[in-house]
Amino acid sequence: MIRHLFAFRDTFATILADDPAHISAASEAMISARQDVERCIAGDPFFRVTFEPYDPGAFGKTVARMVRAADRADVGPMAAVAGAIAWAGVEAMQNTGAVFGVIDNGGDIALISDREVTIGIHAGAASISDRYAFVLPPQPRVLGIATSSATVGPSISLGVADAVTVFSHDVAGADAWASSICNRVRIDYQEFLADLSGTDVQGVMAVIGETIIRWGDLPRIVPAGVDTSRITAGIAVPP
């Protein structure tokens, strides 16, 4: 397995693949997706700063995915940018014949896999952090695993959760919903559950100190030692 660190503008990601050609395909697609977002921001700077759903018009597939995800999760479209860019990269890998590919874009993951993949749980000072992991079965269809935190990393959050992880085949949607739920997880952390019915969200796990909330269909969780030196940001993918 090849592990490649990718950086372009504000995008910093880890790419896992079996073939250098798949790394190249992912890199080119993520650069293109990032450029589409930058063109949108240049044409409509409000797109970058709003915390509410907003449609700037036609700026390509990645921006359209961000807009749709933000509208459904009731957040600004930039809340979905990392997931949308990772999604573009994994789709490009799949289009070049990959059956295994993982992109961790700052804690927002897109993947396809012909094998089990173990994804470590990183949740700041919570006791579960870096001691447990999700075990995903093979995923022939692109899956998103996005994590948002009010206590880890530089992202703005209005909530109190150490980590909110969302699973969805809509990778931009997973990213947007992770942000949305993390914003709303305060004292009454059950308030967001009703909003998830009828969405593309498969499952959610929220960690708030020693409290763990589970909703929907989550992968198996097992004890695991997470190598924090390999965390791109927010979530780790051990070998």
C-alpha atoms as a PDB file:
ATOM      1  CA  MET A   1       0.000   0.000   0.000  1.00  0.00           C
ATOM      2  CA  ILE A   2       1.222   3.483  -0.912  1.00  0.00           C
ATOM      3  CA  ARG A   3       0.770   6.382   1.525  1.00  0.00           C
ATOM      4  CA  HIS A   4       1.037   9.792  -0.137  1.00  0.00           C
ATOM      5  CA  LEU A   5       0.804  13.207   1.535  1.00  0.00           C
ATOM      6  CA  PHE A   6      -0.992  15.715  -0.684  1.00  0.00           C
ATOM      7  CA  ALA A   7      -0.989  19.500  -0.315  1.00  0.00           C
ATOM      8  CA  PHE A   8      -2.525  22.133  -2.563  1.00  0.00           C
ATOM      9  CA  ARG A   9      -3.561  25.594  -1.349  1.00  0.00           C
ATOM     10  CA  ASP A  10      -5.639  24.990   1.816  1.00  0.00           C
ATOM     11  CA  THR A  11      -6.109  21.267   1.142  1.00  0.00           C
ATOM     12  CA  PHE A  12      -3.880  18.874   3.087  1.00  0.00           C
ATOM     13  CA  ALA A  13      -4.710  15.191   2.683  1.00  0.00           C
ATOM     14  CA  THR A  14      -3.385  11.666   3.016  1.00  0.00           C
ATOM     15  CA  ILE A  15      -4.001   9.371   0.041  1.00  0.00           C
ATOM     16  CA  LEU A  16      -3.790   5.584   0.341  1.00  0.00           C
ATOM     17  CA  ALA A  17      -3.665   3.462  -2.819  1.00  0.00           C
ATOM     18  CA  ASP A  18      -2.212   0.316  -4.349  1.00  0.00           C
ATOM     19  CA  ASP A  19      -0.991   1.916  -7.586  1.00  0.00           C
ATOM     20  CA  PRO A  20       0.926   5.163  -8.243  1.00  0.00           C
ATOM     21  CA  ALA A  21      -1.447   5.870 -11.138  1.00  0.00           C
ATOM     22  CA  HIS A  22      -4.333   6.036  -8.674  1.00  0.00           C
ATOM     23  CA  ILE A  23      -2.403   8.532  -6.535  1.00  0.00           C
ATOM     24  CA  SER A  24      -1.886  10.701  -9.625  1.00  0.00           C
ATOM     25  CA  ALA A  25      -5.543  10.495 -10.600  1.00  0.00           C
ATOM     26  CA  ALA A  26      -6.660  11.472  -7.097  1.00  0.00           C
ATOM     27  CA  SER A  27      -4.204  14.370  -6.914  1.00  0.00           C
ATOM     28  CA  GLU A  28      -5.243  15.808 -10.274  1.00  0.00           C
ATOM     29  CA  ALA A  29      -8.935  15.518  -9.412  1.00  0.00           C
ATOM     30  CA  MET A  30      -8.518  17.198  -6.028  1.00  0.00           C
ATOM     31  CA  ILE A  31      -6.559  20.056  -7.592  1.00  0.00           C
ATOM     32  CA  SER A  32      -9.296  20.513 -10.182  1.00  0.00           C
ATOM     33  CA  ALA A  33     -12.010  20.396  -7.509  1.00  0.00           C
ATOM     34  CA  ARG A  34     -10.140  22.913  -5.352  1.00  0.00           C
ATOM     35  CA  GLN A  35      -9.756  25.226  -8.346  1.00  0.00           C
ATOM     36  CA  ASP A  36     -13.504  25.043  -9.011  1.00  0.00           C
ATOM     37  CA  VAL A  37     -14.135  26.130  -5.410  1.00  0.00           C
ATOM     38  CA  GLU A  38     -11.600  28.972  -5.731  1.00  0.00           C
ATOM     39  CA  ARG A  39     -13.222  30.181  -8.947  1.00  0.00           C
ATOM     40  CA  CYS A  40     -16.542  30.239  -7.152  1.00  0.00           C
ATOM     41  CA  ILE A  41     -15.108  32.236  -4.241  1.00  0.00           C
ATOM     42  CA  ALA A  42     -13.447  34.686  -6.629  1.00  0.00           C
ATOM     43  CA  GLY A  43     -16.751  35.222  -8.412  1.00  0.00           C
ATOM     44  CA  ASP A  44     -18.848  35.334  -5.243  1.00  0.00           C
ATOM     45  CA  PRO A  45     -16.847  35.919  -2.006  1.00  0.00           C
ATOM     46  CA  PHE A  46     -19.995  35.478   0.133  1.00  0.00           C
ATOM     47  CA  PHE A  47     -19.833  31.761  -0.677  1.00  0.00           C
ATOM     48  CA  ARG A  48     -16.723  31.430   1.495  1.00  0.00           C
ATOM     49  CA  VAL A  49     -17.983  33.172   4.625  1.00  0.00           C
ATOM     50  CA  THR A  50     -21.681  32.403   5.007  1.00  0.00           C
ATOM     51  CA  PHE A  51     -22.768  29.989   7.749  1.00  0.00           C
ATOM     52  CA  GLU A  52     -26.128  29.477   6.060  1.00  0.00           C
ATOM     53  CA  PRO A  53     -27.165  27.554   2.922  1.00  0.00           C
ATOM     54  CA  TYR A  54     -26.362  29.528  -0.198  1.00  0.00           C
ATOM     55  CA  ASP A  55     -26.377  28.849  -3.943  1.00  0.00           C
ATOM     56  CA  PRO A  56     -23.904  30.936  -5.985  1.00  0.00           C
ATOM     57  CA  GLY A  57     -25.034  29.464  -9.301  1.00  0.00           C
ATOM     58  CA  ALA A  58     -23.237  27.096 -11.677  1.00  0.00           C
ATOM     59  CA  PHE A  59     -19.577  26.575 -10.717  1.00  0.00           C
ATOM     60  CA  GLY A  60     -19.085  22.880 -11.411  1.00  0.00           C
ATOM     61  CA  LYS A  61     -19.831  19.506  -9.831  1.00  0.00           C
ATOM     62  CA  THR A  62     -17.891  19.972  -6.591  1.00  0.00           C
ATOM     63  CA  VAL A  63     -19.541  23.302  -5.780  1.00  0.00           C
ATOM     64  CA  ALA A  64     -22.973  21.866  -6.661  1.00  0.00           C
ATOM     65  CA  ARG A  65     -22.383  19.001  -4.228  1.00  0.00           C
ATOM     66  CA  MET A  66     -21.377  21.456  -1.503  1.00  0.00           C
ATOM     67  CA  VAL A  67     -24.465  23.572  -2.114  1.00  0.00           C
ATOM     68  CA  ARG A  68     -26.813  20.571  -1.994  1.00  0.00           C
ATOM     69  CA  ALA A  69     -25.206  19.172   1.166  1.00  0.00           C
ATOM     70  CA  ALA A  70     -25.283  22.540   2.927  1.00  0.00           C
ATOM     71  CA  ASP A  71     -28.950  23.038   2.085  1.00  0.00           C
ATOM     72  CA  ARG A  72     -29.895  19.668   3.574  1.00  0.00           C
ATOM     73  CA  ALA A  73     -27.787  20.096   6.731  1.00  0.00           C
ATOM     74  CA  ASP A  74     -28.592  23.810   7.201  1.00  0.00           C
ATOM     75  CA  VAL A  75     -24.979  25.044   7.210  1.00  0.00           C
ATOM     76  CA  GLY A  76     -22.809  27.170   4.935  1.00  0.00           C
ATOM     77  CA  PRO A  77     -21.496  25.384   1.818  1.00  0.00           C
ATOM     78  CA  MET A  78     -17.838  25.611   2.929  1.00  0.00           C
ATOM     79  CA  ALA A  79     -18.758  23.174   5.705  1.00  0.00           C
ATOM     80  CA  ALA A  80     -18.767  20.516   2.967  1.00  0.00           C
ATOM     81  CA  VAL A  81     -15.611  21.532   1.094  1.00  0.00           C
ATOM     82  CA  ALA A  82     -13.208  18.914   2.481  1.00  0.00           C
ATOM     83  CA  GLY A  83     -15.612  16.045   1.899  1.00  0.00           C
ATOM     84  CA  ALA A  84     -16.488  17.237  -1.596  1.00  0.00           C
ATOM     85  CA  ILE A  85     -12.823  17.483  -2.616  1.00  0.00           C
ATOM     86  CA  ALA A  86     -12.004  14.061  -1.152  1.00  0.00           C
ATOM     87  CA  TRP A  87     -15.016  12.649  -3.015  1.00  0.00           C
ATOM     88  CA  ALA A  88     -13.690  13.985  -6.323  1.00  0.00           C
ATOM     89  CA  GLY A  89     -10.339  12.339  -5.649  1.00  0.00           C
ATOM     90  CA  VAL A  90     -11.722   8.894  -4.848  1.00  0.00           C
ATOM     91  CA  GLU A  91     -14.081   8.983  -7.821  1.00  0.00           C
ATOM     92  CA  ALA A  92     -11.081   9.660 -10.056  1.00  0.00           C
ATOM     93  CA  MET A  93      -9.265   6.692  -8.523  1.00  0.00           C
ATOM     94  CA  GLN A  94     -12.267   4.482  -9.168  1.00  0.00           C
ATOM     95  CA  ASN A  95     -12.528   5.739 -12.748  1.00  0.00           C
ATOM     96  CA  THR A  96      -8.918   4.631 -13.373  1.00  0.00           C
ATOM     97  CA  GLY A  97      -9.660   1.108 -12.165  1.00  0.00           C
ATOM     98  CA  ALA A  98      -8.924   1.328  -8.443  1.00  0.00           C
ATOM     99  CA  VAL A  99     -10.768  -1.039  -6.119  1.00  0.00           C
ATOM    100  CA  PHE A 100      -8.971   0.402  -3.083  1.00  0.00           C
ATOM    101  CA  GLY A 101      -8.490   4.073  -2.359  1.00  0.00           C
ATOM    102  CA  VAL A 102      -8.680   6.212   0.773  1.00  0.00           C
ATOM    103  CA  ILE A 103      -8.422  10.004   1.005  1.00  0.00           C
ATOM    104  CA  ASP A 104      -8.314  11.596   4.452  1.00  0.00           C
ATOM    105  CA  ASN A 105      -8.789  15.315   3.826  1.00  0.00           C
ATOM    106  CA  GLY A 106      -8.240  16.868   7.234  1.00  0.00           C
ATOM    107  CA  GLY A 107     -10.454  14.377   9.061  1.00  0.00           C
ATOM    108  CA  ASP A 108     -13.031  14.018   6.290  1.00  0.00           C
ATOM    109  CA  ILE A 109     -12.575  10.696   4.521  1.00  0.00           C
ATOM    110  CA  ALA A 110     -13.756   9.289   1.205  1.00  0.00           C
ATOM    111  CA  LEU A 111     -12.964   5.692   0.335  1.00  0.00           C
ATOM    112  CA  ILE A 112     -13.587   2.640  -1.755  1.00  0.00           C
ATOM    113  CA  SER A 113     -12.158  -0.687  -0.678  1.00  0.00           C
ATOM    114  CA  ASP A 114     -12.020  -4.370  -1.563  1.00  0.00           C
ATOM    115  CA  ARG A 115     -10.892  -5.186   1.999  1.00  0.00           C
ATOM    116  CA  GLU A 116     -11.604  -4.241   5.596  1.00  0.00           C
ATOM    117  CA  VAL A 117     -10.385  -0.779   6.564  1.00  0.00           C
ATOM    118  CA  THR A 118      -9.717   0.279  10.150  1.00  0.00           C
ATOM    119  CA  ILE A 119     -10.335   3.934  10.965  1.00  0.00           C
ATOM    120  CA  GLY A 120      -9.143   5.202  14.318  1.00  0.00           C
ATOM    121  CA  ILE A 121     -11.294   7.396  16.553  1.00  0.00           C
ATOM    122  CA  HIS A 122      -9.624  10.644  17.617  1.00  0.00           C
ATOM    123  CA  ALA A 123     -11.710  12.723  20.031  1.00  0.00           C
ATOM    124  CA  GLY A 124      -9.420  15.095  21.890  1.00  0.00           C
ATOM    125  CA  ALA A 125      -9.239  14.483  25.641  1.00  0.00           C
ATOM    126  CA  ALA A 126     -12.126  11.975  25.711  1.00  0.00           C
ATOM    127  CA  SER A 127     -11.099   8.597  27.131  1.00  0.00           C
ATOM    128  CA  ILE A 128     -12.184   6.757  23.969  1.00  0.00           C
ATOM    129  CA  SER A 129      -9.775   8.859  21.879  1.00  0.00           C
ATOM    130  CA  ASP A 130      -6.958   6.961  20.120  1.00  0.00           C
ATOM    131  CA  ARG A 131      -7.947   3.715  21.881  1.00  0.00           C
ATOM    132  CA  TYR A 132     -10.717   2.474  19.588  1.00  0.00           C
ATOM    133  CA  ALA A 133     -11.421   2.237  15.878  1.00  0.00           C
ATOM    134  CA  PHE A 134     -14.194   1.581  13.383  1.00  0.00           C
ATOM    135  CA  VAL A 135     -13.796  -1.542  11.227  1.00  0.00           C
ATOM    136  CA  LEU A 136     -15.422  -1.020   7.839  1.00  0.00           C
ATOM    137  CA  PRO A 137     -16.291  -4.005   5.639  1.00  0.00           C
ATOM    138  CA  PRO A 138     -15.361  -3.796   1.927  1.00  0.00           C
ATOM    139  CA  GLN A 139     -16.936  -0.766   0.228  1.00  0.00           C
ATOM    140  CA  PRO A 140     -17.361  -1.069  -3.556  1.00  0.00           C
ATOM    141  CA  ARG A 141     -19.344   2.190  -3.521  1.00  0.00           C
ATOM    142  CA  VAL A 142     -17.727   5.446  -2.402  1.00  0.00           C
ATOM    143  CA  LEU A 143     -18.347   6.052   1.304  1.00  0.00           C
ATOM    144  CA  GLY A 144     -17.807   9.224   3.304  1.00  0.00           C
ATOM    145  CA  ILE A 145     -16.700   9.297   6.938  1.00  0.00           C
ATOM    146  CA  ALA A 146     -16.552  12.881   8.188  1.00  0.00           C
ATOM    147  CA  THR A 147     -15.597  14.127  11.638  1.00  0.00           C
ATOM    148  CA  SER A 148     -16.174  17.529  13.212  1.00  0.00           C
ATOM    149  CA  SER A 149     -15.036  18.673  16.651  1.00  0.00           C
ATOM    150  CA  ALA A 150     -15.572  21.617  18.964  1.00  0.00           C
ATOM    151  CA  THR A 151     -12.393  20.833  20.937  1.00  0.00           C
ATOM    152  CA  VAL A 152      -9.888  19.599  18.322  1.00  0.00           C
ATOM    153  CA  GLY A 153      -8.494  21.568  15.389  1.00  0.00           C
ATOM    154  CA  PRO A 154      -9.043  25.091  14.071  1.00  0.00           C
ATOM    155  CA  SER A 155     -12.576  24.738  12.675  1.00  0.00           C
ATOM    156  CA  ILE A 156     -15.319  26.937  14.112  1.00  0.00           C
ATOM    157  CA  SER A 157     -17.971  25.003  16.045  1.00  0.00           C
ATOM    158  CA  LEU A 158     -20.895  26.279  18.101  1.00  0.00           C
ATOM    159  CA  GLY A 159     -21.237  23.051  20.098  1.00  0.00           C
ATOM    160  CA  VAL A 160     -19.349  21.123  22.771  1.00  0.00           C
ATOM    161  CA  ALA A 161     -18.650  17.705  21.214  1.00  0.00           C
ATOM    162  CA  ASP A 162     -15.136  16.263  21.196  1.00  0.00           C
ATOM    163  CA  ALA A 163     -16.007  14.486  17.959  1.00  0.00           C
ATOM    164  CA  VAL A 164     -19.027  13.900  15.735  1.00  0.00           C
ATOM    165  CA  THR A 165     -18.467  11.290  13.046  1.00  0.00           C
ATOM    166  CA  VAL A 166     -20.989  10.834  10.239  1.00  0.00           C
ATOM    167  CA  PHE A 167     -21.169   7.984   7.706  1.00  0.00           C
ATOM    168  CA  SER A 168     -22.838   8.565   4.337  1.00  0.00           C
ATOM    169  CA  HIS A 169     -22.398   7.649   0.681  1.00  0.00           C
ATOM    170  CA  ASP A 170     -22.898  11.366   0.025  1.00  0.00           C
ATOM    171  CA  VAL A 171     -19.382  12.402   1.091  1.00  0.00           C
ATOM    172  CA  ALA A 172     -20.090  16.143   0.961  1.00  0.00           C
ATOM    173  CA  GLY A 173     -23.255  15.442   2.932  1.00  0.00           C
ATOM    174  CA  ALA A 174     -21.309  13.547   5.596  1.00  0.00           C
ATOM    175  CA  ASP A 175     -19.039  16.571   5.985  1.00  0.00           C
ATOM    176  CA  ALA A 176     -21.916  19.062   6.156  1.00  0.00           C
ATOM    177  CA  TRP A 177     -23.916  16.956   8.606  1.00  0.00           C
ATOM    178  CA  ALA A 178     -20.876  16.420  10.862  1.00  0.00           C
ATOM    179  CA  SER A 179     -20.524  20.211  11.116  1.00  0.00           C
ATOM    180  CA  SER A 180     -24.249  20.739  11.582  1.00  0.00           C
ATOM    181  CA  ILE A 181     -24.611  18.123  14.299  1.00  0.00           C
ATOM    182  CA  CYS A 182     -21.449  19.243  16.079  1.00  0.00           C
ATOM    183  CA  ASN A 183     -22.817  22.801  16.136  1.00  0.00           C
ATOM    184  CA  ARG A 184     -25.992  21.578  17.835  1.00  0.00           C
ATOM    185  CA  VAL A 185     -24.568  19.066  20.296  1.00  0.00           C
ATOM    186  CA  ARG A 186     -24.789  20.960  23.558  1.00  0.00           C
ATOM    187  CA  ILE A 187     -26.708  19.962  26.711  1.00  0.00           C
ATOM    188  CA  ASP A 188     -29.714  18.439  24.942  1.00  0.00           C
ATOM    189  CA  TYR A 189     -27.708  16.303  22.534  1.00  0.00           C
ATOM    190  CA  GLN A 190     -30.721  14.260  21.399  1.00  0.00           C
ATOM    191  CA  GLU A 191     -32.230  17.232  19.581  1.00  0.00           C
ATOM    192  CA  PHE A 192     -30.598  16.484  16.232  1.00  0.00           C
ATOM    193  CA  LEU A 193     -31.746  12.861  15.881  1.00  0.00           C
ATOM    194  CA  ALA A 194     -35.169  13.627  14.427  1.00  0.00           C
ATOM    195  CA  ASP A 195     -33.575  15.733  11.684  1.00  0.00           C
ATOM    196  CA  LEU A 196     -31.655  12.745  10.318  1.00  0.00           C
ATOM    197  CA  SER A 197     -34.664  10.648   9.353  1.00  0.00           C
ATOM    198  CA  GLY A 198     -35.052  10.560   5.595  1.00  0.00           C
ATOM    199  CA  THR A 199     -31.542  11.875   4.896  1.00  0.00           C
ATOM    200  CA  ASP A 200     -28.580  10.145   3.240  1.00  0.00           C
ATOM    201  CA  VAL A 201     -26.908   9.724   6.646  1.00  0.00           C
ATOM    202  CA  GLN A 202     -26.257   6.071   7.527  1.00  0.00           C
ATOM    203  CA  GLY A 203     -24.929   6.486  11.028  1.00  0.00           C
ATOM    204  CA  VAL A 204     -23.591   8.975  13.564  1.00  0.00           C
ATOM    205  CA  MET A 205     -21.380   8.691  16.605  1.00  0.00           C
ATOM    206  CA  ALA A 206     -20.908  11.708  18.867  1.00  0.00           C
ATOM    207  CA  VAL A 207     -18.357  11.821  21.691  1.00  0.00           C
ATOM    208  CA  ILE A 208     -18.878  14.402  24.444  1.00  0.00           C
ATOM    209  CA  GLY A 209     -16.366  13.730  27.193  1.00  0.00           C
ATOM    210  CA  GLU A 210     -17.341  10.324  28.580  1.00  0.00           C
ATOM    211  CA  THR A 211     -20.736  10.321  26.850  1.00  0.00           C
ATOM    212  CA  ILE A 212     -21.068   8.433  23.561  1.00  0.00           C
ATOM    213  CA  ILE A 213     -24.168   8.816  21.394  1.00  0.00           C
ATOM    214  CA  ARG A 214     -24.879   6.351  18.593  1.00  0.00           C
ATOM    215  CA  TRP A 215     -27.514   6.693  15.875  1.00  0.00           C
ATOM    216  CA  GLY A 216     -28.273   4.594  12.810  1.00  0.00           C
ATOM    217  CA  ASP A 217     -26.069   1.945  11.228  1.00  0.00           C
ATOM    218  CA  LEU A 218     -22.483   2.179  12.496  1.00  0.00           C
ATOM    219  CA  PRO A 219     -19.515  -0.069  11.703  1.00  0.00           C
ATOM    220  CA  ARG A 220     -18.108  -2.400  14.334  1.00  0.00           C
ATOM    221  CA  ILE A 221     -15.943  -0.666  16.955  1.00  0.00           C
ATOM    222  CA  VAL A 222     -12.877  -2.470  18.310  1.00  0.00           C
ATOM    223  CA  PRO A 223     -10.005  -1.641  20.688  1.00  0.00           C
ATOM    224  CA  ALA A 224      -7.056  -0.267  18.712  1.00  0.00           C
ATOM    225  CA  GLY A 225      -3.920   1.775  19.241  1.00  0.00           C
ATOM    226  CA  VAL A 226      -4.070   4.822  16.958  1.00  0.00           C
ATOM    227  CA  ASP A 227      -0.755   6.179  15.700  1.00  0.00           C
ATOM    228  CA  THR A 228      -1.421   9.892  16.178  1.00  0.00           C
ATOM    229  CA  SER A 229       1.587  10.825  14.032  1.00  0.00           C
ATOM    230  CA  ARG A 230      -0.450   9.706  11.022  1.00  0.00           C
ATOM    231  CA  ILE A 231      -3.487  11.827  11.770  1.00  0.00           C
ATOM    232  CA  THR A 232      -4.058  14.290   8.934  1.00  0.00           C
ATOM    233  CA  ALA A 233      -6.486  16.086  11.283  1.00  0.00           C
ATOM    234  CA  GLY A 234      -9.361  14.833  13.358  1.00  0.00           C
ATOM    235  CA  ILE A 235      -9.313  11.149  12.431  1.00  0.00           C
ATOM    236  CA  ALA A 236      -6.589   8.615  11.714  1.00  0.00           C
ATOM    237  CA  VAL A 237      -6.324   5.692   9.307  1.00  0.00           C
ATOM    238  CA  PRO A 238      -3.893   3.169  10.793  1.00  0.00           C
ATOM    239  CA  PRO A 239      -2.189   0.694   8.418  1.00  0.00           C
END
